[in-house]
Amino acid sequence: MHIDEFQRLIEAIYFEKDNARGLAGTHMWFCEEVGELTRALRRGQTEELEGEFADVLAWLSTLASIAGIDLEEAARKKYQAGCPRCEKTPCACG
């Protein structure tokens, strides 16, 4: 699945509810999910990591949708040439 396909899937599932909550309220839910990912990483709960990473990606996608941002296009613009500062892959910034 491509990033744009995932973003559209998350929109189909959650956009109406998340958009009604608004950017600020939805961002709070995103932060909670990042906290759950952090906790799983800290505790070494490898069996939970896949789900937590997926949850963070889903909430990031819905935030981008509410803000009118196409994540795939944004990522392509910023990172296609490599590091945004030095434009090298791998990054050669010191």
N, C-alpha and C. Protein backbone atom coordinates (compact mmCIF):
# COMPACT_ATOMS: atom_id res chain seq x y z
N MET A 1 0.85 -1.17 0.00
CA MET A 1 0.00 0.00 0.00
C MET A 1 0.90 1.24 0.00
N HIS A 2 0.58 2.19 -0.86
CA HIS A 2 1.31 3.46 -0.92
C HIS A 2 0.77 4.41 0.14
N ILE A 3 1.56 5.42 0.46
CA ILE A 3 1.16 6.38 1.48
C ILE A 3 -0.17 7.03 1.13
N ASP A 4 -0.35 7.42 -0.13
CA ASP A 4 -1.61 8.08 -0.50
C ASP A 4 -2.80 7.13 -0.37
N GLU A 5 -2.60 5.85 -0.66
CA GLU A 5 -3.67 4.87 -0.50
C GLU A 5 -4.04 4.72 0.98
N PHE A 6 -3.03 4.69 1.83
CA PHE A 6 -3.28 4.58 3.27
C PHE A 6 -4.01 5.81 3.78
N GLN A 7 -3.58 6.99 3.34
CA GLN A 7 -4.23 8.21 3.78
C GLN A 7 -5.70 8.22 3.36
N ARG A 8 -6.01 7.79 2.15
CA ARG A 8 -7.40 7.74 1.68
C ARG A 8 -8.21 6.70 2.48
N LEU A 9 -7.59 5.58 2.82
CA LEU A 9 -8.26 4.56 3.62
C LEU A 9 -8.62 5.13 5.00
N ILE A 10 -7.66 5.79 5.64
CA ILE A 10 -7.91 6.38 6.96
C ILE A 10 -8.98 7.46 6.86
N GLU A 11 -8.98 8.23 5.76
CA GLU A 11 -10.04 9.22 5.56
C GLU A 11 -11.40 8.55 5.48
N ALA A 12 -11.48 7.46 4.73
CA ALA A 12 -12.76 6.76 4.58
C ALA A 12 -13.27 6.23 5.93
N ILE A 13 -12.36 5.78 6.77
CA ILE A 13 -12.74 5.20 8.05
C ILE A 13 -13.06 6.28 9.10
N TYR A 14 -12.21 7.32 9.18
CA TYR A 14 -12.26 8.23 10.33
C TYR A 14 -12.46 9.71 10.04
N PHE A 15 -12.36 10.16 8.79
CA PHE A 15 -12.28 11.60 8.53
C PHE A 15 -13.45 12.39 9.09
N GLU A 16 -14.65 11.89 8.90
CA GLU A 16 -15.81 12.65 9.34
C GLU A 16 -15.75 12.95 10.84
N LYS A 17 -15.46 11.93 11.62
CA LYS A 17 -15.37 12.09 13.07
C LYS A 17 -14.17 12.95 13.47
N ASP A 18 -13.02 12.69 12.87
CA ASP A 18 -11.81 13.43 13.23
C ASP A 18 -11.90 14.89 12.80
N ASN A 19 -12.44 15.15 11.63
CA ASN A 19 -12.59 16.52 11.16
C ASN A 19 -13.55 17.30 12.06
N ALA A 20 -14.61 16.65 12.51
CA ALA A 20 -15.55 17.31 13.42
C ALA A 20 -14.88 17.65 14.75
N ARG A 21 -13.96 16.81 15.20
CA ARG A 21 -13.21 17.05 16.44
C ARG A 21 -12.26 18.23 16.26
N GLY A 22 -11.78 18.41 15.04
CA GLY A 22 -10.87 19.51 14.73
C GLY A 22 -9.41 19.12 14.84
N LEU A 23 -8.57 19.99 14.32
CA LEU A 23 -7.13 19.74 14.29
C LEU A 23 -6.54 19.64 15.70
N ALA A 24 -6.90 20.58 16.58
CA ALA A 24 -6.32 20.58 17.93
C ALA A 24 -6.74 19.34 18.71
N GLY A 25 -8.02 18.99 18.67
CA GLY A 25 -8.48 17.81 19.40
C GLY A 25 -7.90 16.52 18.85
N THR A 26 -7.79 16.44 17.55
CA THR A 26 -7.22 15.25 16.92
C THR A 26 -5.73 15.16 17.21
N HIS A 27 -5.07 16.29 17.27
CA HIS A 27 -3.64 16.30 17.62
C HIS A 27 -3.42 15.72 19.01
N MET A 28 -4.33 16.00 19.93
CA MET A 28 -4.21 15.43 21.29
C MET A 28 -4.26 13.90 21.24
N TRP A 29 -5.15 13.33 20.41
CA TRP A 29 -5.21 11.88 20.26
C TRP A 29 -3.93 11.35 19.64
N PHE A 30 -3.39 12.07 18.66
CA PHE A 30 -2.12 11.68 18.04
C PHE A 30 -1.02 11.61 19.10
N CYS A 31 -0.93 12.64 19.93
CA CYS A 31 0.09 12.68 20.98
C CYS A 31 -0.07 11.51 21.95
N GLU A 32 -1.29 11.14 22.25
CA GLU A 32 -1.52 9.99 23.12
C GLU A 32 -0.99 8.72 22.48
N GLU A 33 -1.22 8.57 21.17
CA GLU A 33 -0.71 7.39 20.47
C GLU A 33 0.81 7.37 20.42
N VAL A 34 1.43 8.54 20.25
CA VAL A 34 2.90 8.61 20.28
C VAL A 34 3.39 8.18 21.66
N GLY A 35 2.66 8.58 22.71
CA GLY A 35 3.01 8.15 24.06
C GLY A 35 2.93 6.65 24.23
N GLU A 36 1.91 6.03 23.64
CA GLU A 36 1.79 4.57 23.71
C GLU A 36 2.94 3.89 22.98
N LEU A 37 3.34 4.45 21.84
CA LEU A 37 4.49 3.91 21.11
C LEU A 37 5.76 4.05 21.95
N THR A 38 5.93 5.21 22.55
CA THR A 38 7.10 5.46 23.40
C THR A 38 7.16 4.45 24.54
N ARG A 39 6.04 4.22 25.17
CA ARG A 39 5.97 3.27 26.29
C ARG A 39 6.36 1.86 25.82
N ALA A 40 5.83 1.43 24.68
CA ALA A 40 6.15 0.11 24.16
C ALA A 40 7.64 -0.01 23.82
N LEU A 41 8.21 1.05 23.25
CA LEU A 41 9.64 1.04 22.94
C LEU A 41 10.48 0.96 24.21
N ARG A 42 10.13 1.78 25.19
CA ARG A 42 10.87 1.83 26.45
C ARG A 42 10.81 0.50 27.19
N ARG A 43 9.66 -0.14 27.15
CA ARG A 43 9.48 -1.40 27.87
C ARG A 43 9.93 -2.61 27.07
N GLY A 44 10.36 -2.39 25.84
CA GLY A 44 10.80 -3.51 25.01
C GLY A 44 9.67 -4.44 24.62
N GLN A 45 8.47 -3.91 24.48
CA GLN A 45 7.29 -4.71 24.14
C GLN A 45 7.20 -4.89 22.63
N THR A 46 8.10 -5.69 22.10
CA THR A 46 8.21 -5.84 20.65
C THR A 46 6.94 -6.36 20.01
N GLU A 47 6.16 -7.16 20.73
CA GLU A 47 4.92 -7.71 20.16
C GLU A 47 3.87 -6.62 19.96
N GLU A 48 4.00 -5.50 20.64
CA GLU A 48 3.04 -4.40 20.51
C GLU A 48 3.50 -3.31 19.54
N LEU A 49 4.75 -3.32 19.16
CA LEU A 49 5.30 -2.23 18.34
C LEU A 49 4.61 -2.07 17.00
N GLU A 50 4.34 -3.16 16.31
CA GLU A 50 3.73 -3.07 14.98
C GLU A 50 2.40 -2.31 15.05
N GLY A 51 1.57 -2.66 15.98
CA GLY A 51 0.28 -1.98 16.14
C GLY A 51 0.43 -0.53 16.54
N GLU A 52 1.38 -0.24 17.41
CA GLU A 52 1.57 1.14 17.86
C GLU A 52 2.11 2.01 16.72
N PHE A 53 3.05 1.48 15.92
CA PHE A 53 3.53 2.24 14.77
C PHE A 53 2.38 2.50 13.79
N ALA A 54 1.54 1.50 13.56
CA ALA A 54 0.40 1.66 12.65
C ALA A 54 -0.57 2.71 13.18
N ASP A 55 -0.82 2.72 14.50
CA ASP A 55 -1.71 3.71 15.09
C ASP A 55 -1.16 5.13 14.91
N VAL A 56 0.13 5.30 15.15
CA VAL A 56 0.75 6.63 15.00
C VAL A 56 0.64 7.09 13.55
N LEU A 57 0.89 6.18 12.61
CA LEU A 57 0.77 6.53 11.19
C LEU A 57 -0.67 6.91 10.84
N ALA A 58 -1.63 6.19 11.38
CA ALA A 58 -3.04 6.49 11.09
C ALA A 58 -3.42 7.86 11.63
N TRP A 59 -3.02 8.19 12.85
CA TRP A 59 -3.35 9.50 13.41
C TRP A 59 -2.61 10.61 12.69
N LEU A 60 -1.36 10.37 12.27
CA LEU A 60 -0.63 11.36 11.48
C LEU A 60 -1.34 11.60 10.16
N SER A 61 -1.82 10.52 9.55
CA SER A 61 -2.54 10.64 8.28
C SER A 61 -3.80 11.46 8.42
N THR A 62 -4.56 11.23 9.48
CA THR A 62 -5.80 11.97 9.65
C THR A 62 -5.52 13.44 9.96
N LEU A 63 -4.45 13.72 10.70
CA LEU A 63 -4.06 15.12 10.93
C LEU A 63 -3.74 15.81 9.61
N ALA A 64 -2.97 15.13 8.77
CA ALA A 64 -2.61 15.70 7.47
C ALA A 64 -3.87 15.94 6.63
N SER A 65 -4.80 15.01 6.65
CA SER A 65 -6.03 15.17 5.88
C SER A 65 -6.84 16.37 6.36
N ILE A 66 -6.97 16.52 7.67
CA ILE A 66 -7.69 17.66 8.22
C ILE A 66 -7.02 18.97 7.79
N ALA A 67 -5.69 18.97 7.74
CA ALA A 67 -4.94 20.16 7.36
C ALA A 67 -4.86 20.35 5.85
N GLY A 68 -5.38 19.39 5.08
CA GLY A 68 -5.36 19.50 3.62
C GLY A 68 -4.01 19.17 3.00
N ILE A 69 -3.24 18.33 3.67
CA ILE A 69 -1.90 17.95 3.20
C ILE A 69 -1.92 16.52 2.67
N ASP A 70 -1.39 16.32 1.48
CA ASP A 70 -1.19 15.00 0.90
C ASP A 70 0.17 14.51 1.41
N LEU A 71 0.18 13.53 2.30
CA LEU A 71 1.42 13.07 2.93
C LEU A 71 2.44 12.55 1.91
N GLU A 72 1.97 11.81 0.94
CA GLU A 72 2.91 11.25 -0.04
C GLU A 72 3.60 12.36 -0.81
N GLU A 73 2.84 13.35 -1.24
CA GLU A 73 3.41 14.47 -1.98
C GLU A 73 4.34 15.29 -1.09
N ALA A 74 3.96 15.51 0.15
CA ALA A 74 4.80 16.26 1.08
C ALA A 74 6.14 15.55 1.31
N ALA A 75 6.08 14.23 1.49
CA ALA A 75 7.31 13.46 1.71
C ALA A 75 8.19 13.47 0.46
N ARG A 76 7.56 13.34 -0.70
CA ARG A 76 8.32 13.37 -1.95
C ARG A 76 9.03 14.71 -2.12
N LYS A 77 8.30 15.81 -1.92
CA LYS A 77 8.90 17.14 -2.07
C LYS A 77 10.07 17.35 -1.13
N LYS A 78 9.93 16.89 0.11
CA LYS A 78 10.95 17.19 1.11
C LYS A 78 12.15 16.24 1.04
N TYR A 79 11.93 14.95 0.73
CA TYR A 79 13.00 13.96 0.88
C TYR A 79 13.46 13.26 -0.39
N GLN A 80 12.84 13.51 -1.52
CA GLN A 80 13.20 12.77 -2.73
C GLN A 80 14.66 12.99 -3.13
N ALA A 81 15.20 14.17 -2.90
CA ALA A 81 16.59 14.45 -3.28
C ALA A 81 17.58 14.04 -2.20
N GLY A 82 17.09 13.41 -1.14
CA GLY A 82 17.96 13.02 -0.02
C GLY A 82 17.71 13.93 1.16
N CYS A 83 18.74 14.11 1.96
CA CYS A 83 18.63 14.99 3.14
C CYS A 83 18.22 16.38 2.68
N PRO A 84 17.21 16.97 3.32
CA PRO A 84 16.76 18.31 2.91
C PRO A 84 17.84 19.39 3.02
N ARG A 85 18.83 19.19 3.89
CA ARG A 85 19.88 20.21 4.05
C ARG A 85 21.04 20.00 3.08
N CYS A 86 21.59 18.79 3.06
CA CYS A 86 22.79 18.55 2.23
C CYS A 86 22.46 17.87 0.90
N GLU A 87 21.23 17.38 0.75
CA GLU A 87 20.77 16.66 -0.44
C GLU A 87 21.61 15.42 -0.75
N LYS A 88 22.12 14.78 0.28
CA LYS A 88 22.91 13.55 0.11
C LYS A 88 22.18 12.39 0.78
N THR A 89 22.41 11.19 0.22
CA THR A 89 21.91 9.96 0.80
C THR A 89 23.07 8.98 0.85
N PRO A 90 23.52 8.57 2.05
CA PRO A 90 23.04 9.01 3.35
C PRO A 90 23.44 10.45 3.66
N CYS A 91 22.78 11.01 4.64
CA CYS A 91 23.02 12.39 5.05
C CYS A 91 24.51 12.58 5.39
N ALA A 92 25.06 13.69 4.92
CA ALA A 92 26.46 14.02 5.20
C ALA A 92 26.58 15.25 6.09
N CYS A 93 25.47 15.70 6.66
CA CYS A 93 25.51 16.86 7.55
C CYS A 93 26.35 16.53 8.77
N GLY A 94 27.09 17.50 9.21
CA GLY A 94 27.98 17.28 10.36
C GLY A 94 27.43 17.64 11.61
